[in-house]
Protein backbone atom coordinates (compact mmCIF):
# COMPACT_ATOMS: atom_id res chain seq x y z
CA MET A 1 -0.31 -0.02 -0.12
CA SER A 2 0.77 3.53 -0.72
CA ALA A 3 2.70 4.71 2.71
CA ASN A 4 1.27 8.76 2.09
CA PRO A 5 -2.51 8.88 3.41
CA HIS A 6 -2.81 11.84 1.59
CA HIS A 7 -2.80 10.18 -1.72
CA TYR A 8 -6.05 9.48 -3.74
CA GLY A 9 -6.95 8.26 -6.77
CA LEU A 10 -10.30 9.44 -9.31
CA ILE A 11 -11.47 7.37 -11.70
CA LEU A 12 -13.63 9.11 -14.57
CA ALA A 13 -16.74 6.66 -15.34
CA GLY A 14 -18.97 8.50 -17.30
CA GLY A 15 -18.33 7.72 -21.05
CA ARG A 16 -20.52 5.60 -22.66
CA GLY A 17 -18.73 3.52 -25.32
CA THR A 18 -20.21 3.64 -28.50
CA ARG A 19 -17.96 2.62 -30.46
CA PHE A 20 -19.16 -0.88 -28.52
CA TRP A 21 -22.36 -0.56 -29.57
CA PRO A 22 -24.77 -3.00 -29.22
CA ARG A 23 -22.42 -4.53 -26.17
CA SER A 24 -21.85 -1.60 -25.00
CA ARG A 25 -25.37 0.37 -23.84
CA ARG A 26 -26.20 3.21 -21.64
CA ALA A 27 -26.77 1.25 -18.48
CA TYR A 28 -23.82 -0.95 -19.13
CA SER A 29 -21.41 0.63 -20.99
CA LYS A 30 -17.95 -0.16 -21.98
CA GLN A 31 -16.26 0.61 -18.69
CA VAL A 32 -18.46 -2.24 -17.05
CA LEU A 33 -18.12 -5.05 -19.85
CA ARG A 34 -15.34 -7.92 -19.65
CA PHE A 35 -13.22 -7.90 -22.85
CA GLY A 36 -10.91 -11.08 -22.44
CA GLY A 37 -10.96 -11.57 -18.08
CA ASP A 38 -13.21 -12.17 -15.34
CA ARG A 39 -13.06 -8.94 -14.32
CA SER A 40 -14.55 -5.43 -15.96
CA LEU A 41 -12.28 -2.59 -17.22
CA ILE A 42 -13.02 -0.64 -14.00
CA GLN A 43 -12.49 -3.44 -11.51
CA GLU A 44 -9.22 -4.17 -13.36
CA THR A 45 -9.25 -0.65 -12.95
CA VAL A 46 -8.99 -0.62 -9.47
CA ASP A 47 -7.17 -4.08 -9.05
CA ARG A 48 -4.50 -2.35 -10.62
CA LEU A 49 -3.81 1.00 -8.62
CA ARG A 50 -3.79 -1.61 -5.10
CA PRO A 51 -0.51 -1.44 -4.26
CA VAL A 52 -0.82 1.89 -4.33
CA LEU A 53 -4.17 3.21 -3.34
CA PRO A 54 -6.15 1.06 -1.40
CA PRO A 55 -10.20 1.03 -2.54
CA GLU A 56 -10.99 3.67 0.45
CA ARG A 57 -9.18 6.28 -0.98
CA ILE A 58 -10.72 5.58 -4.49
CA TRP A 59 -13.34 7.82 -6.20
CA ILE A 60 -15.59 7.26 -8.94
CA LEU A 61 -17.29 9.48 -11.19
CA THR A 62 -20.38 8.79 -13.08
CA ASN A 63 -23.47 9.05 -13.91
CA ASP A 64 -26.88 8.18 -13.48
CA HIS A 65 -27.38 4.78 -15.46
CA LEU A 66 -23.89 3.28 -14.20
CA ARG A 67 -24.17 3.65 -10.81
CA ALA A 68 -25.86 1.22 -9.42
CA LYS A 69 -24.32 -1.45 -11.78
CA ILE A 70 -20.28 -0.29 -10.63
CA VAL A 71 -21.47 -0.05 -6.85
CA LYS A 72 -22.60 -3.84 -7.12
CA GLN A 73 -18.93 -4.23 -9.03
CA LEU A 74 -16.98 -2.43 -6.37
CA PRO A 75 -18.24 -3.07 -3.43
CA GLU A 76 -15.07 -2.50 -1.80
CA VAL A 77 -15.24 1.31 -2.47
CA PRO A 78 -17.09 2.82 -0.08
CA ASN A 79 -20.66 3.74 -2.05
CA SER A 80 -20.62 7.06 -0.69
CA GLN A 81 -17.46 7.48 -2.66
CA ILE A 82 -19.10 6.15 -6.59
CA LEU A 83 -20.85 9.66 -7.38
CA ALA A 84 -23.21 10.11 -10.48
CA GLU A 85 -22.56 13.25 -11.77
CA PRO A 86 -26.39 15.64 -12.49
CA ALA A 87 -24.65 16.55 -15.81
CA GLN A 88 -22.12 15.67 -18.68
CA ARG A 89 -19.92 19.30 -18.12
CA ASN A 90 -16.84 17.16 -19.28
CA THR A 91 -13.35 16.17 -17.66
CA ALA A 92 -12.74 20.00 -16.45
CA PRO A 93 -15.79 20.39 -14.14
CA ALA A 94 -15.99 16.72 -13.28
CA ILE A 95 -12.50 16.85 -11.73
CA GLY A 96 -12.69 20.12 -10.55
CA LEU A 97 -15.64 18.13 -8.45
CA ALA A 98 -13.23 15.65 -7.00
CA ALA A 99 -10.95 18.19 -6.18
CA HIS A 100 -13.71 20.52 -4.40
CA ILE A 101 -14.85 16.92 -2.42
CA LEU A 102 -11.28 16.11 -1.56
CA GLN A 103 -9.79 19.38 -0.93
CA SER A 104 -12.83 19.33 1.54
CA ILE A 105 -11.84 16.16 3.72
CA ASP A 106 -7.91 16.26 3.45
CA PRO A 107 -6.24 19.81 2.62
CA ASP A 108 -3.32 17.65 1.80
CA ALA A 109 -4.34 15.71 -0.76
CA VAL A 110 -2.80 14.56 -3.92
CA MET A 111 -4.77 13.19 -6.62
CA GLY A 112 -4.90 10.98 -9.54
CA VAL A 113 -6.64 10.97 -12.16
CA PHE A 114 -7.22 7.70 -14.28
CA PRO A 115 -9.57 6.21 -17.24
CA SER A 116 -11.98 3.51 -16.33
CA ASP A 117 -12.12 1.97 -19.85
CA HIS A 118 -8.56 1.64 -20.64
CA MET A 119 -6.48 -1.89 -20.63
CA ILE A 120 -2.69 -2.25 -19.44
CA SER A 121 -1.40 -5.46 -19.38
CA LYS A 122 2.19 -4.98 -17.65
CA PRO A 123 0.50 -3.67 -14.13
CA ALA A 124 3.86 -3.73 -12.16
CA LYS A 125 5.59 -1.29 -14.64
CA TYR A 126 2.31 0.86 -14.58
CA LEU A 127 2.83 1.46 -11.38
CA SER A 128 6.88 2.38 -11.80
CA PHE A 129 5.80 5.65 -13.07
CA VAL A 130 2.65 6.02 -11.13
CA ARG A 131 4.76 6.08 -7.93
CA PRO A 132 7.61 8.92 -9.43
CA ALA A 133 4.16 11.11 -10.64
CA PHE A 134 2.38 11.25 -7.47
CA LYS A 135 6.04 11.95 -5.77
CA ALA A 136 6.38 15.26 -8.19
CA ALA A 137 2.51 16.21 -7.64
CA SER A 138 3.64 16.33 -4.11
CA ALA A 139 5.77 18.65 -4.53
CA GLY A 140 3.67 20.89 -6.66
CA LYS A 141 3.72 20.20 -10.21
CA ILE A 142 0.83 19.50 -12.35
CA VAL A 143 1.78 15.65 -13.63
CA VAL A 144 1.30 13.71 -16.99
CA LEU A 145 1.72 10.01 -18.59
CA GLY A 146 2.77 10.30 -21.95
CA ILE A 147 2.43 6.63 -23.98
CA ALA A 148 5.39 6.38 -26.45
CA PRO A 149 3.67 6.64 -29.98
CA ARG A 150 3.48 3.27 -31.63
CA TRP A 151 1.96 4.30 -35.11
CA PRO A 152 0.89 7.51 -36.45
CA GLU A 153 -2.09 7.80 -34.60
CA THR A 154 -4.80 10.82 -35.38
CA GLY A 155 -7.47 9.88 -32.63
CA TYR A 156 -5.18 10.87 -29.82
CA GLY A 157 -3.74 14.59 -28.35
CA TYR A 158 0.17 14.06 -27.95
CA ILE A 159 2.30 15.86 -25.00
CA GLU A 160 5.58 17.44 -26.46
CA PHE A 161 8.59 16.74 -24.64
CA PRO A 162 12.29 18.46 -25.39
CA GLN A 163 13.66 16.96 -27.97
CA GLY A 164 16.36 14.16 -27.36
CA ILE A 165 14.61 12.67 -24.16
CA LYS A 166 14.25 9.03 -23.66
CA SER A 167 11.74 6.71 -22.67
CA GLY A 168 11.45 5.36 -19.61
CA GLY A 169 13.33 7.92 -16.69
CA LYS A 170 11.56 7.85 -13.65
CA GLN A 171 12.26 11.93 -13.63
CA PRO A 172 9.80 14.86 -14.40
CA ILE A 173 10.21 16.17 -17.67
CA ALA A 174 9.09 20.08 -19.05
CA VAL A 175 6.34 19.49 -20.89
CA ARG A 176 6.94 22.08 -23.86
CA GLN A 177 3.35 21.99 -25.44
CA PHE A 178 -0.18 20.11 -25.98
CA ARG A 179 -0.86 19.57 -29.29
CA GLU A 180 -4.53 18.51 -30.01
CA LYS A 181 -5.17 15.37 -32.41
CA PRO A 182 -3.54 15.80 -35.62
CA ASP A 183 -4.17 15.19 -39.55
CA LEU A 184 -2.08 11.58 -40.37
CA LYS A 185 0.79 14.09 -42.07
CA THR A 186 1.90 15.55 -38.58
CA ALA A 187 1.20 12.70 -36.50
CA THR A 188 3.68 10.99 -39.07
CA HIS A 189 6.29 13.40 -38.41
CA TYR A 190 5.53 13.06 -34.55
CA VAL A 191 6.40 9.84 -34.18
CA ARG A 192 9.63 10.17 -36.23
CA SER A 193 10.51 13.07 -34.13
CA GLY A 194 10.48 10.67 -30.95
CA ASN A 195 9.32 13.57 -28.96
CA PHE A 196 6.11 13.69 -28.93
CA TYR A 197 4.18 11.04 -26.95
CA TRP A 198 0.28 10.40 -26.32
CA ASN A 199 -1.66 11.87 -23.90
CA ALA A 200 -3.38 8.88 -22.35
CA GLY A 201 -5.57 11.25 -20.06
CA MET A 202 -3.60 10.00 -16.68
CA PHE A 203 -2.86 13.18 -14.46
CA PHE A 204 -1.44 13.75 -11.43
CA TRP A 205 -2.27 16.85 -9.01
CA LYS A 206 -2.36 18.64 -5.45
CA THR A 207 -6.01 19.03 -5.36
CA SER A 208 -5.10 22.94 -3.60
CA VAL A 209 -2.95 23.08 -6.90
CA LEU A 210 -5.71 21.90 -9.35
CA LEU A 211 -8.32 24.29 -8.28
CA GLU A 212 -5.82 27.52 -8.23
CA ALA A 213 -5.56 26.44 -11.52
CA LEU A 214 -9.24 26.23 -12.61
CA ARG A 215 -9.56 29.48 -10.67
CA GLN A 216 -6.89 31.48 -12.71
CA PHE A 217 -7.98 29.48 -16.31
CA GLN A 218 -11.45 28.73 -15.42
CA PRO A 219 -13.02 31.17 -12.99
CA LYS A 220 -16.67 30.58 -13.68
CA THR A 221 -17.05 26.82 -13.18
CA ALA A 222 -14.18 27.78 -10.26
CA THR A 223 -16.40 30.04 -8.34
CA LEU A 224 -19.51 27.69 -9.06
CA LEU A 225 -17.55 24.72 -7.53
CA ALA A 226 -16.64 26.76 -4.65
CA SER A 227 -19.68 27.28 -3.79
CA LEU A 228 -20.74 24.20 -2.50
CA PRO A 229 -20.55 23.21 0.94
CA ALA A 230 -18.01 20.18 2.19
CA PHE A 231 -19.15 17.07 0.91
CA SER A 232 -19.92 15.97 4.63
CA ASN A 233 -22.97 18.18 4.75
CA ARG A 234 -26.20 16.81 4.19
CA GLN A 235 -27.22 19.63 1.67
CA PHE A 236 -24.42 18.71 -0.33
CA GLY A 237 -25.89 16.16 -2.55
CA ARG A 238 -28.97 19.15 -3.35
CA LYS A 239 -26.50 21.96 -4.31
CA LEU A 240 -24.57 19.89 -6.41
CA LYS A 241 -27.52 19.06 -8.45
CA GLN A 242 -28.45 22.95 -8.25
CA THR A 243 -25.18 24.10 -9.59
CA PHE A 244 -22.86 21.46 -11.58
CA PRO A 245 -25.02 21.72 -14.82
CA ASN A 246 -23.93 25.56 -14.96
CA CYS A 247 -20.56 24.64 -15.08
CA GLU A 248 -18.90 25.38 -18.91
CA SER A 249 -18.34 22.13 -20.52
CA VAL A 250 -15.02 21.89 -21.23
CA SER A 251 -12.06 19.34 -20.96
CA ILE A 252 -9.15 19.15 -18.32
CA ASP A 253 -6.71 19.78 -20.99
CA TYR A 254 -7.93 22.77 -23.21
CA ALA A 255 -9.35 24.09 -19.11
CA VAL A 256 -6.39 23.83 -17.47
CA LEU A 257 -2.85 22.17 -18.99
CA GLU A 258 -2.64 24.04 -22.21
CA LYS A 259 -2.52 26.71 -20.39
CA ALA A 260 -0.55 26.41 -16.91
CA SER A 261 3.22 26.41 -16.26
CA ASN A 262 4.20 23.88 -14.08
CA VAL A 263 3.65 21.40 -16.45
CA VAL A 264 5.74 18.51 -16.23
CA GLY A 265 5.20 14.48 -17.90
CA PHE A 266 7.15 10.92 -18.05
CA ALA A 267 7.83 9.55 -21.26
CA THR A 268 7.03 6.19 -19.95
CA SER A 269 8.58 3.09 -21.83
CA ASP A 270 6.05 0.15 -22.91
CA PHE A 271 3.67 -0.97 -20.04
CA GLY A 272 0.99 -2.49 -22.62
CA TRP A 273 -1.66 0.53 -22.85
CA SER A 274 -4.60 0.46 -25.05
CA ASP A 275 -7.47 2.79 -24.60
CA VAL A 276 -9.29 -0.18 -26.34
CA GLY A 277 -11.29 2.25 -28.54
CA SER A 278 -12.94 0.20 -31.41
CA TRP A 279 -14.03 -3.13 -31.56
CA ASN A 280 -11.22 -3.46 -34.03
CA ALA A 281 -8.58 -2.13 -31.31
CA LEU A 282 -9.91 -5.21 -29.26
CA TYR A 283 -9.76 -7.39 -31.97
CA GLU A 284 -5.74 -6.80 -31.87
CA LEU A 285 -5.49 -7.08 -28.11
CA LEU A 286 -6.92 -10.76 -28.21
CA PRO A 287 -5.28 -13.94 -28.79
CA HIS A 288 -5.77 -15.20 -32.73
CA ASP A 289 -6.57 -18.22 -34.04
CA ALA A 290 -4.04 -19.96 -37.10
CA ASN A 291 -6.09 -17.57 -39.23
CA ALA A 292 -6.10 -14.81 -37.19
CA ASN A 293 -9.54 -15.02 -36.48
CA VAL A 294 -10.80 -14.08 -32.59
CA PHE A 295 -13.87 -16.09 -31.19
CA ARG A 296 -15.38 -15.03 -27.91
CA GLY A 297 -17.57 -18.26 -27.41
CA GLU A 298 -18.01 -21.28 -30.44
CA ALA A 299 -17.37 -20.92 -33.74
CA LEU A 300 -17.09 -22.93 -37.01
CA ALA A 301 -14.88 -21.21 -39.44
CA GLN A 302 -14.22 -22.83 -43.15
CA SER A 303 -12.26 -20.25 -45.38
CA ALA A 304 -13.08 -17.53 -42.48
CA THR A 305 -9.73 -14.89 -41.47
CA GLY A 306 -9.34 -11.73 -39.98
CA ASN A 307 -12.68 -11.79 -38.14
CA TYR A 308 -14.06 -11.11 -34.89
CA ALA A 309 -17.06 -12.78 -33.79
CA ASP A 310 -18.57 -12.12 -30.11
CA ALA A 311 -22.18 -14.06 -29.72
CA GLU A 312 -22.61 -15.28 -26.41
CA GLY A 313 -24.44 -19.07 -26.03
CA LYS A 314 -24.66 -19.62 -29.48
CA LEU A 315 -22.50 -21.14 -32.15
CA VAL A 316 -21.10 -18.47 -34.85
CA ALA A 317 -20.55 -20.56 -38.30
CA LEU A 318 -18.24 -18.28 -41.08
CA LEU A 319 -17.94 -18.99 -44.47
CA GLY A 320 -15.62 -17.49 -46.70
CA VAL A 321 -15.77 -14.09 -45.18
CA LYS A 322 -12.83 -12.40 -43.70
CA ASP A 323 -11.98 -9.18 -41.80
CA LEU A 324 -15.37 -8.55 -40.12
CA ILE A 325 -17.07 -7.51 -36.96
CA ILE A 326 -19.77 -9.25 -35.35
CA VAL A 327 -21.52 -8.60 -32.24
CA ASP A 328 -24.43 -10.48 -31.47
CA THR A 329 -27.35 -8.91 -28.26
CA PRO A 330 -30.86 -10.23 -27.37
CA ASP A 331 -32.11 -7.59 -29.56
CA ALA A 332 -29.33 -6.56 -32.06
CA LEU A 333 -26.79 -7.53 -34.53
CA LEU A 334 -23.65 -5.75 -35.71
CA ILE A 335 -22.00 -6.72 -38.48
CA ALA A 336 -19.29 -4.95 -39.92
CA ASP A 337 -16.18 -4.20 -41.88
CA ARG A 338 -12.74 -4.39 -39.32
CA SER A 339 -11.45 -1.27 -41.40
CA ARG A 340 -14.30 0.94 -40.31
CA ALA A 341 -14.89 0.08 -36.50
CA GLN A 342 -14.55 3.53 -35.53
CA GLU A 343 -17.60 4.20 -37.59
CA VAL A 344 -19.92 1.58 -35.03
CA GLY A 345 -20.25 4.99 -33.22
CA ASP A 346 -22.16 6.83 -35.66
CA LEU A 347 -24.87 3.84 -35.82
CA VAL A 348 -25.29 5.05 -32.42
CA LYS A 349 -26.02 8.83 -33.56
CA THR A 350 -28.30 6.87 -35.93
CA LEU A 351 -30.32 5.61 -33.94
CA GLU A 352 -30.43 8.30 -31.17
CA ARG A 353 -32.42 10.88 -33.96
CA GLN A 354 -34.75 8.12 -34.57
CA LYS A 355 -35.20 8.02 -30.94
CA ARG A 356 -34.77 4.29 -30.54
CA VAL A 357 -34.10 4.51 -26.83
CA ASN A 358 -34.50 0.53 -25.64
CA LEU A 359 -31.29 -0.02 -28.83
CA LEU A 360 -29.38 2.53 -26.33
């Protein structure tokens, strides 16, 4: 366990995971699903943090659709520390809210922010960066973990470090700049340069430092959060429902990280990170058979290659097809080209326009 009782973890679990439809729904979203193991993604997140953060120092922000499921999956985390946001207002207000709560409980609190729906296959190596990140944050820095890019990804933001850095160092490095999601040409340049790392959304700071940054860069949201009573106050929940929807919807990257001057980072070496951003990403992570197929359940395949099939409780028979995603649920069946896996979220938008609430 962490020897420092002032260290806390915030797990952000409000996303819908629309690119994993039809398995991922509002009330059973990506973070509470199991992908290749017996534990859901959010359970694995708590598990891997346990050596540095006991469950009683974990806080989770989610939504009304998912809260009951997360409470059931994580009995080790105090029920009162699994909160549903009254409205979706992006990551800056969410993280600011958690910082306000922790500051009211422990003025010396240092918090790490962790996504709930990523996979990390080398947790011990991962924690070898989390520990020095907490240390740097305790010294008053805003800290970010950078992931060495494995390809020119256009779907991630990038962290620019000074030229000549090497992966794996355990000393924090001053961040030169945060870069928005690039086009392919720019992303290729970033990868070749060697000093641009993926921004995986893992941050560390004193709650006092983060709240001061919000006061400086997001004064409206900071003022609204500051108006909330202490978490122990019986009026907290009622005041939160009144106040939080008025916060500006903005990411923590844009609100604070791109503007603050005391930002440092770790250019991490490989700890097996993936944001598992689509069915195709999951296909790439899981073991393949001799014909590059991935089957979750019973399957019969002839002249079939490169497919992902997930149909619980039934046989999937494939004949002469390749590079497909097949996901079967009781009320919906997805069949898609693997190369278009990122577009599955667009199907959900279509269902929303059609008001097919039962399928969302």
